[in-house]
Amino acid sequence: MVHVRLTPEEYQKLQKRFQKTTCRKLSKYIRHCLFEKQVITNYRNASLDDFMEEMSLLRKELNYIGINYNQVVKKLHSLWRIEDFKVWIEKNEKDKMILWNKIEAIDKHLQKVVETWLQ
């Protein structure tokens, strides 16, 4: 074991550098630095971060729209006695399936982008 004393400023600087790497432990990062091993750092594109934040919000909004749409259709199902509503409901069941499929496709695509970006 080796013990090293650092000033608070030095420790903050060390922490900032460590957090930019892929090392999971501070001790591993320090060993890499001491023995001049390659340290892999993370690079983040700020514009992609903004994009990911927007996509996350869009994903939530799409989900809320789908939930609200489903609630409206369920309410209309309770009015099945009225013939016009019956036709409307049948037509919109198809539209609902299309909506849910599109939301699911967007969700899967965003999940892949998030997983790739967060590695």
N, C-alpha and C. Protein backbone atom coordinates (compact mmCIF):
# COMPACT_ATOMS: atom_id res chain seq x y z
N MET A 1 0.83 -1.19 0.00
CA MET A 1 0.00 0.00 0.00
C MET A 1 0.87 1.25 0.00
N VAL A 2 0.39 2.22 -0.71
CA VAL A 2 1.06 3.51 -0.74
C VAL A 2 0.02 4.55 -0.37
N HIS A 3 0.36 5.38 0.57
CA HIS A 3 -0.55 6.45 1.00
C HIS A 3 0.01 7.78 0.51
N VAL A 4 -0.86 8.60 -0.05
CA VAL A 4 -0.45 9.89 -0.58
C VAL A 4 -1.40 10.94 -0.03
N ARG A 5 -0.82 12.02 0.42
CA ARG A 5 -1.64 13.14 0.90
C ARG A 5 -1.80 14.14 -0.24
N LEU A 6 -3.03 14.59 -0.42
CA LEU A 6 -3.33 15.58 -1.45
C LEU A 6 -4.05 16.76 -0.82
N THR A 7 -3.85 17.91 -1.38
CA THR A 7 -4.63 19.07 -0.95
C THR A 7 -6.04 18.89 -1.50
N PRO A 8 -7.01 19.58 -0.95
CA PRO A 8 -8.37 19.48 -1.49
C PRO A 8 -8.44 19.84 -2.98
N GLU A 9 -7.64 20.82 -3.39
CA GLU A 9 -7.62 21.22 -4.80
C GLU A 9 -7.05 20.11 -5.67
N GLU A 10 -5.97 19.48 -5.20
CA GLU A 10 -5.36 18.38 -5.95
C GLU A 10 -6.33 17.20 -6.06
N TYR A 11 -7.01 16.93 -4.97
CA TYR A 11 -7.96 15.81 -4.97
C TYR A 11 -9.12 16.09 -5.94
N GLN A 12 -9.60 17.31 -5.96
CA GLN A 12 -10.68 17.69 -6.90
C GLN A 12 -10.22 17.52 -8.34
N LYS A 13 -8.99 17.96 -8.62
CA LYS A 13 -8.43 17.83 -9.96
C LYS A 13 -8.32 16.36 -10.35
N LEU A 14 -7.85 15.54 -9.41
CA LEU A 14 -7.74 14.09 -9.64
C LEU A 14 -9.12 13.48 -9.91
N GLN A 15 -10.10 13.86 -9.11
CA GLN A 15 -11.47 13.35 -9.28
C GLN A 15 -12.04 13.73 -10.64
N LYS A 16 -11.83 14.97 -11.06
CA LYS A 16 -12.35 15.41 -12.36
C LYS A 16 -11.74 14.60 -13.49
N ARG A 17 -10.44 14.37 -13.42
CA ARG A 17 -9.78 13.57 -14.45
C ARG A 17 -10.28 12.13 -14.43
N PHE A 18 -10.41 11.59 -13.22
CA PHE A 18 -10.88 10.20 -13.06
C PHE A 18 -12.29 10.03 -13.63
N GLN A 19 -13.16 10.97 -13.39
CA GLN A 19 -14.54 10.87 -13.85
C GLN A 19 -14.67 10.92 -15.37
N LYS A 20 -13.65 11.40 -16.05
CA LYS A 20 -13.66 11.45 -17.51
C LYS A 20 -13.16 10.15 -18.14
N THR A 21 -12.80 9.18 -17.29
CA THR A 21 -12.26 7.92 -17.81
C THR A 21 -13.30 6.81 -17.74
N THR A 22 -12.91 5.67 -18.29
CA THR A 22 -13.78 4.49 -18.21
C THR A 22 -13.41 3.62 -17.01
N CYS A 23 -12.40 4.02 -16.24
CA CYS A 23 -12.00 3.25 -15.05
C CYS A 23 -13.13 3.29 -14.02
N ARG A 24 -13.39 2.15 -13.43
CA ARG A 24 -14.47 2.09 -12.45
C ARG A 24 -13.99 2.43 -11.04
N LYS A 25 -12.72 2.26 -10.78
CA LYS A 25 -12.16 2.53 -9.45
C LYS A 25 -11.06 3.58 -9.56
N LEU A 26 -11.00 4.45 -8.58
CA LEU A 26 -9.98 5.48 -8.54
C LEU A 26 -8.60 4.84 -8.44
N SER A 27 -8.48 3.79 -7.67
CA SER A 27 -7.17 3.12 -7.52
C SER A 27 -6.66 2.59 -8.86
N LYS A 28 -7.55 2.05 -9.69
CA LYS A 28 -7.15 1.56 -11.01
C LYS A 28 -6.65 2.72 -11.86
N TYR A 29 -7.35 3.84 -11.83
CA TYR A 29 -6.96 5.02 -12.59
C TYR A 29 -5.58 5.49 -12.14
N ILE A 30 -5.34 5.55 -10.84
CA ILE A 30 -4.06 6.00 -10.32
C ILE A 30 -2.94 5.05 -10.74
N ARG A 31 -3.18 3.73 -10.68
CA ARG A 31 -2.18 2.76 -11.13
C ARG A 31 -1.84 2.96 -12.61
N HIS A 32 -2.88 3.18 -13.42
CA HIS A 32 -2.64 3.42 -14.85
C HIS A 32 -1.76 4.66 -15.05
N CYS A 33 -2.03 5.70 -14.29
CA CYS A 33 -1.24 6.92 -14.42
C CYS A 33 0.20 6.70 -13.95
N LEU A 34 0.37 6.01 -12.81
CA LEU A 34 1.71 5.79 -12.26
C LEU A 34 2.58 4.95 -13.19
N PHE A 35 1.99 3.94 -13.78
CA PHE A 35 2.78 3.02 -14.61
C PHE A 35 2.65 3.32 -16.10
N GLU A 36 2.17 4.52 -16.40
CA GLU A 36 2.08 5.04 -17.75
C GLU A 36 1.33 4.09 -18.70
N LYS A 37 0.30 3.48 -18.16
CA LYS A 37 -0.57 2.66 -19.01
C LYS A 37 -1.57 3.56 -19.70
N GLN A 38 -2.14 3.05 -20.76
CA GLN A 38 -3.12 3.84 -21.49
C GLN A 38 -4.39 4.01 -20.65
N VAL A 39 -4.86 5.23 -20.57
CA VAL A 39 -6.09 5.55 -19.86
C VAL A 39 -7.12 5.95 -20.91
N ILE A 40 -8.23 5.24 -20.94
CA ILE A 40 -9.28 5.53 -21.91
C ILE A 40 -10.23 6.56 -21.30
N THR A 41 -10.40 7.66 -22.01
CA THR A 41 -11.29 8.70 -21.51
C THR A 41 -12.57 8.70 -22.34
N ASN A 42 -13.61 9.14 -21.71
CA ASN A 42 -14.89 9.29 -22.39
C ASN A 42 -14.93 10.63 -23.08
N TYR A 43 -15.48 10.63 -24.28
CA TYR A 43 -15.68 11.88 -25.00
C TYR A 43 -17.17 12.05 -25.21
N ARG A 44 -17.69 13.17 -24.83
CA ARG A 44 -19.11 13.43 -25.00
C ARG A 44 -19.31 14.60 -25.92
N ASN A 45 -20.19 14.39 -26.85
CA ASN A 45 -20.57 15.44 -27.78
C ASN A 45 -21.76 16.17 -27.16
N ALA A 46 -21.58 17.44 -26.83
CA ALA A 46 -22.64 18.20 -26.15
C ALA A 46 -23.90 18.27 -26.98
N SER A 47 -23.76 18.37 -28.30
CA SER A 47 -24.96 18.44 -29.14
C SER A 47 -25.72 17.13 -29.09
N LEU A 48 -25.01 16.01 -28.99
CA LEU A 48 -25.69 14.72 -28.88
C LEU A 48 -26.35 14.58 -27.51
N ASP A 49 -25.74 15.15 -26.47
CA ASP A 49 -26.36 15.15 -25.15
C ASP A 49 -27.70 15.89 -25.20
N ASP A 50 -27.70 17.05 -25.87
CA ASP A 50 -28.94 17.81 -26.02
C ASP A 50 -29.98 17.01 -26.80
N PHE A 51 -29.52 16.35 -27.86
CA PHE A 51 -30.42 15.51 -28.67
C PHE A 51 -31.02 14.40 -27.81
N MET A 52 -30.19 13.76 -27.01
CA MET A 52 -30.67 12.66 -26.17
C MET A 52 -31.69 13.16 -25.14
N GLU A 53 -31.46 14.34 -24.61
CA GLU A 53 -32.40 14.91 -23.65
C GLU A 53 -33.75 15.19 -24.32
N GLU A 54 -33.69 15.78 -25.52
CA GLU A 54 -34.92 16.05 -26.27
C GLU A 54 -35.66 14.77 -26.62
N MET A 55 -34.91 13.75 -27.04
CA MET A 55 -35.53 12.47 -27.42
C MET A 55 -36.17 11.80 -26.20
N SER A 56 -35.54 11.95 -25.07
CA SER A 56 -36.10 11.39 -23.84
C SER A 56 -37.44 12.06 -23.51
N LEU A 57 -37.48 13.38 -23.65
CA LEU A 57 -38.73 14.11 -23.40
C LEU A 57 -39.79 13.72 -24.43
N LEU A 58 -39.38 13.60 -25.69
CA LEU A 58 -40.31 13.20 -26.75
C LEU A 58 -40.87 11.81 -26.49
N ARG A 59 -40.00 10.94 -26.04
CA ARG A 59 -40.43 9.57 -25.73
C ARG A 59 -41.51 9.57 -24.63
N LYS A 60 -41.29 10.37 -23.60
CA LYS A 60 -42.26 10.46 -22.52
C LYS A 60 -43.59 11.04 -23.03
N GLU A 61 -43.49 12.08 -23.85
CA GLU A 61 -44.70 12.71 -24.39
C GLU A 61 -45.47 11.74 -25.27
N LEU A 62 -44.77 11.01 -26.12
CA LEU A 62 -45.44 10.01 -26.96
C LEU A 62 -46.14 8.96 -26.11
N ASN A 63 -45.49 8.56 -25.06
CA ASN A 63 -46.10 7.57 -24.17
C ASN A 63 -47.36 8.13 -23.53
N TYR A 64 -47.32 9.38 -23.07
CA TYR A 64 -48.51 10.01 -22.48
C TYR A 64 -49.64 10.14 -23.50
N ILE A 65 -49.28 10.50 -24.73
CA ILE A 65 -50.30 10.61 -25.78
C ILE A 65 -50.97 9.26 -26.00
N GLY A 66 -50.16 8.21 -26.06
CA GLY A 66 -50.70 6.87 -26.25
C GLY A 66 -51.61 6.46 -25.11
N ILE A 67 -51.21 6.77 -23.89
CA ILE A 67 -52.03 6.43 -22.72
C ILE A 67 -53.35 7.19 -22.76
N ASN A 68 -53.29 8.50 -23.05
CA ASN A 68 -54.52 9.29 -23.14
C ASN A 68 -55.44 8.78 -24.24
N TYR A 69 -54.86 8.45 -25.38
CA TYR A 69 -55.63 7.92 -26.50
C TYR A 69 -56.34 6.62 -26.08
N ASN A 70 -55.62 5.77 -25.40
CA ASN A 70 -56.19 4.49 -24.95
C ASN A 70 -57.35 4.73 -23.98
N GLN A 71 -57.20 5.70 -23.10
CA GLN A 71 -58.27 6.01 -22.15
C GLN A 71 -59.52 6.51 -22.87
N VAL A 72 -59.34 7.34 -23.89
CA VAL A 72 -60.48 7.85 -24.67
C VAL A 72 -61.20 6.70 -25.36
N VAL A 73 -60.43 5.82 -25.96
CA VAL A 73 -61.04 4.69 -26.66
C VAL A 73 -61.78 3.79 -25.68
N LYS A 74 -61.23 3.56 -24.52
CA LYS A 74 -61.92 2.74 -23.50
C LYS A 74 -63.25 3.39 -23.10
N LYS A 75 -63.23 4.70 -22.95
CA LYS A 75 -64.46 5.42 -22.60
C LYS A 75 -65.49 5.27 -23.71
N LEU A 76 -65.04 5.39 -24.96
CA LEU A 76 -65.96 5.25 -26.08
C LEU A 76 -66.51 3.82 -26.20
N HIS A 77 -65.74 2.86 -25.77
CA HIS A 77 -66.22 1.48 -25.76
C HIS A 77 -67.45 1.32 -24.87
N SER A 78 -67.51 2.13 -23.82
CA SER A 78 -68.66 2.05 -22.92
C SER A 78 -69.93 2.61 -23.58
N LEU A 79 -69.77 3.32 -24.67
CA LEU A 79 -70.91 3.88 -25.40
C LEU A 79 -71.26 3.04 -26.62
N TRP A 80 -70.99 1.77 -26.60
CA TRP A 80 -71.15 0.90 -27.77
C TRP A 80 -72.58 0.81 -28.28
N ARG A 81 -73.54 1.21 -27.48
CA ARG A 81 -74.94 1.12 -27.91
C ARG A 81 -75.25 2.07 -29.07
N ILE A 82 -74.52 3.14 -29.16
CA ILE A 82 -74.76 4.12 -30.22
C ILE A 82 -74.01 3.66 -31.46
N GLU A 83 -74.74 3.45 -32.55
CA GLU A 83 -74.19 2.84 -33.76
C GLU A 83 -73.03 3.65 -34.37
N ASP A 84 -73.13 4.98 -34.37
CA ASP A 84 -72.05 5.79 -34.94
C ASP A 84 -70.74 5.60 -34.19
N PHE A 85 -70.84 5.52 -32.86
CA PHE A 85 -69.64 5.32 -32.07
C PHE A 85 -69.03 3.96 -32.34
N LYS A 86 -69.85 2.99 -32.59
CA LYS A 86 -69.38 1.63 -32.85
C LYS A 86 -68.49 1.62 -34.10
N VAL A 87 -68.92 2.28 -35.15
CA VAL A 87 -68.14 2.36 -36.39
C VAL A 87 -66.84 3.13 -36.13
N TRP A 88 -66.95 4.23 -35.41
CA TRP A 88 -65.77 5.04 -35.10
C TRP A 88 -64.76 4.24 -34.29
N ILE A 89 -65.26 3.51 -33.33
CA ILE A 89 -64.37 2.71 -32.47
C ILE A 89 -63.63 1.67 -33.29
N GLU A 90 -64.33 0.99 -34.18
CA GLU A 90 -63.68 -0.04 -34.99
C GLU A 90 -62.59 0.57 -35.87
N LYS A 91 -62.88 1.70 -36.45
CA LYS A 91 -61.88 2.37 -37.30
C LYS A 91 -60.67 2.79 -36.47
N ASN A 92 -60.93 3.35 -35.31
CA ASN A 92 -59.85 3.86 -34.50
C ASN A 92 -59.06 2.77 -33.78
N GLU A 93 -59.59 1.59 -33.66
CA GLU A 93 -58.82 0.47 -33.12
C GLU A 93 -57.63 0.20 -34.03
N LYS A 94 -57.86 0.26 -35.34
CA LYS A 94 -56.77 0.06 -36.30
C LYS A 94 -55.75 1.19 -36.16
N ASP A 95 -56.26 2.43 -36.05
CA ASP A 95 -55.36 3.57 -35.90
C ASP A 95 -54.56 3.47 -34.60
N LYS A 96 -55.21 2.96 -33.56
CA LYS A 96 -54.53 2.81 -32.28
C LYS A 96 -53.38 1.81 -32.40
N MET A 97 -53.60 0.73 -33.10
CA MET A 97 -52.55 -0.27 -33.27
C MET A 97 -51.37 0.32 -34.05
N ILE A 98 -51.65 1.11 -35.05
CA ILE A 98 -50.59 1.77 -35.82
C ILE A 98 -49.80 2.71 -34.91
N LEU A 99 -50.52 3.51 -34.10
CA LEU A 99 -49.89 4.44 -33.18
C LEU A 99 -48.97 3.70 -32.21
N TRP A 100 -49.48 2.65 -31.59
CA TRP A 100 -48.69 1.89 -30.62
C TRP A 100 -47.47 1.25 -31.27
N ASN A 101 -47.63 0.76 -32.50
CA ASN A 101 -46.49 0.16 -33.21
C ASN A 101 -45.41 1.20 -33.49
N LYS A 102 -45.85 2.40 -33.89
CA LYS A 102 -44.89 3.47 -34.15
C LYS A 102 -44.18 3.90 -32.88
N ILE A 103 -44.94 4.03 -31.80
CA ILE A 103 -44.33 4.41 -30.52
C ILE A 103 -43.33 3.34 -30.09
N GLU A 104 -43.68 2.10 -30.25
CA GLU A 104 -42.79 1.00 -29.88
C GLU A 104 -41.52 1.02 -30.74
N ALA A 105 -41.66 1.28 -32.03
CA ALA A 105 -40.50 1.35 -32.93
C ALA A 105 -39.58 2.50 -32.53
N ILE A 106 -40.16 3.66 -32.22
CA ILE A 106 -39.36 4.81 -31.78
C ILE A 106 -38.66 4.48 -30.47
N ASP A 107 -39.38 3.85 -29.56
CA ASP A 107 -38.83 3.49 -28.27
C ASP A 107 -37.64 2.54 -28.43
N LYS A 108 -37.78 1.53 -29.27
CA LYS A 108 -36.68 0.58 -29.48
C LYS A 108 -35.47 1.26 -30.09
N HIS A 109 -35.72 2.14 -31.06
CA HIS A 109 -34.62 2.84 -31.71
C HIS A 109 -33.90 3.76 -30.72
N LEU A 110 -34.66 4.49 -29.93
CA LEU A 110 -34.04 5.37 -28.94
C LEU A 110 -33.26 4.58 -27.90
N GLN A 111 -33.78 3.43 -27.52
CA GLN A 111 -33.09 2.59 -26.53
C GLN A 111 -31.74 2.14 -27.07
N LYS A 112 -31.68 1.78 -28.38
CA LYS A 112 -30.41 1.39 -28.98
C LYS A 112 -29.43 2.55 -28.99
N VAL A 113 -29.92 3.75 -29.33
CA VAL A 113 -29.06 4.92 -29.36
C VAL A 113 -28.53 5.22 -27.96
N VAL A 114 -29.41 5.14 -26.96
CA VAL A 114 -29.00 5.40 -25.58
C VAL A 114 -27.95 4.40 -25.13
N GLU A 115 -28.18 3.12 -25.39
CA GLU A 115 -27.23 2.09 -24.98
C GLU A 115 -25.87 2.29 -25.67
N THR A 116 -25.89 2.63 -26.93
CA THR A 116 -24.64 2.87 -27.67
C THR A 116 -23.91 4.07 -27.10
N TRP A 117 -24.66 5.15 -26.85
CA TRP A 117 -24.04 6.38 -26.40
C TRP A 117 -23.51 6.29 -24.98
N LEU A 118 -24.17 5.54 -24.11
CA LEU A 118 -23.78 5.50 -22.71
C LEU A 118 -22.67 4.49 -22.41
N GLN A 119 -22.17 3.80 -23.41
CA GLN A 119 -21.09 2.82 -23.18
C GLN A 119 -19.81 3.49 -22.77
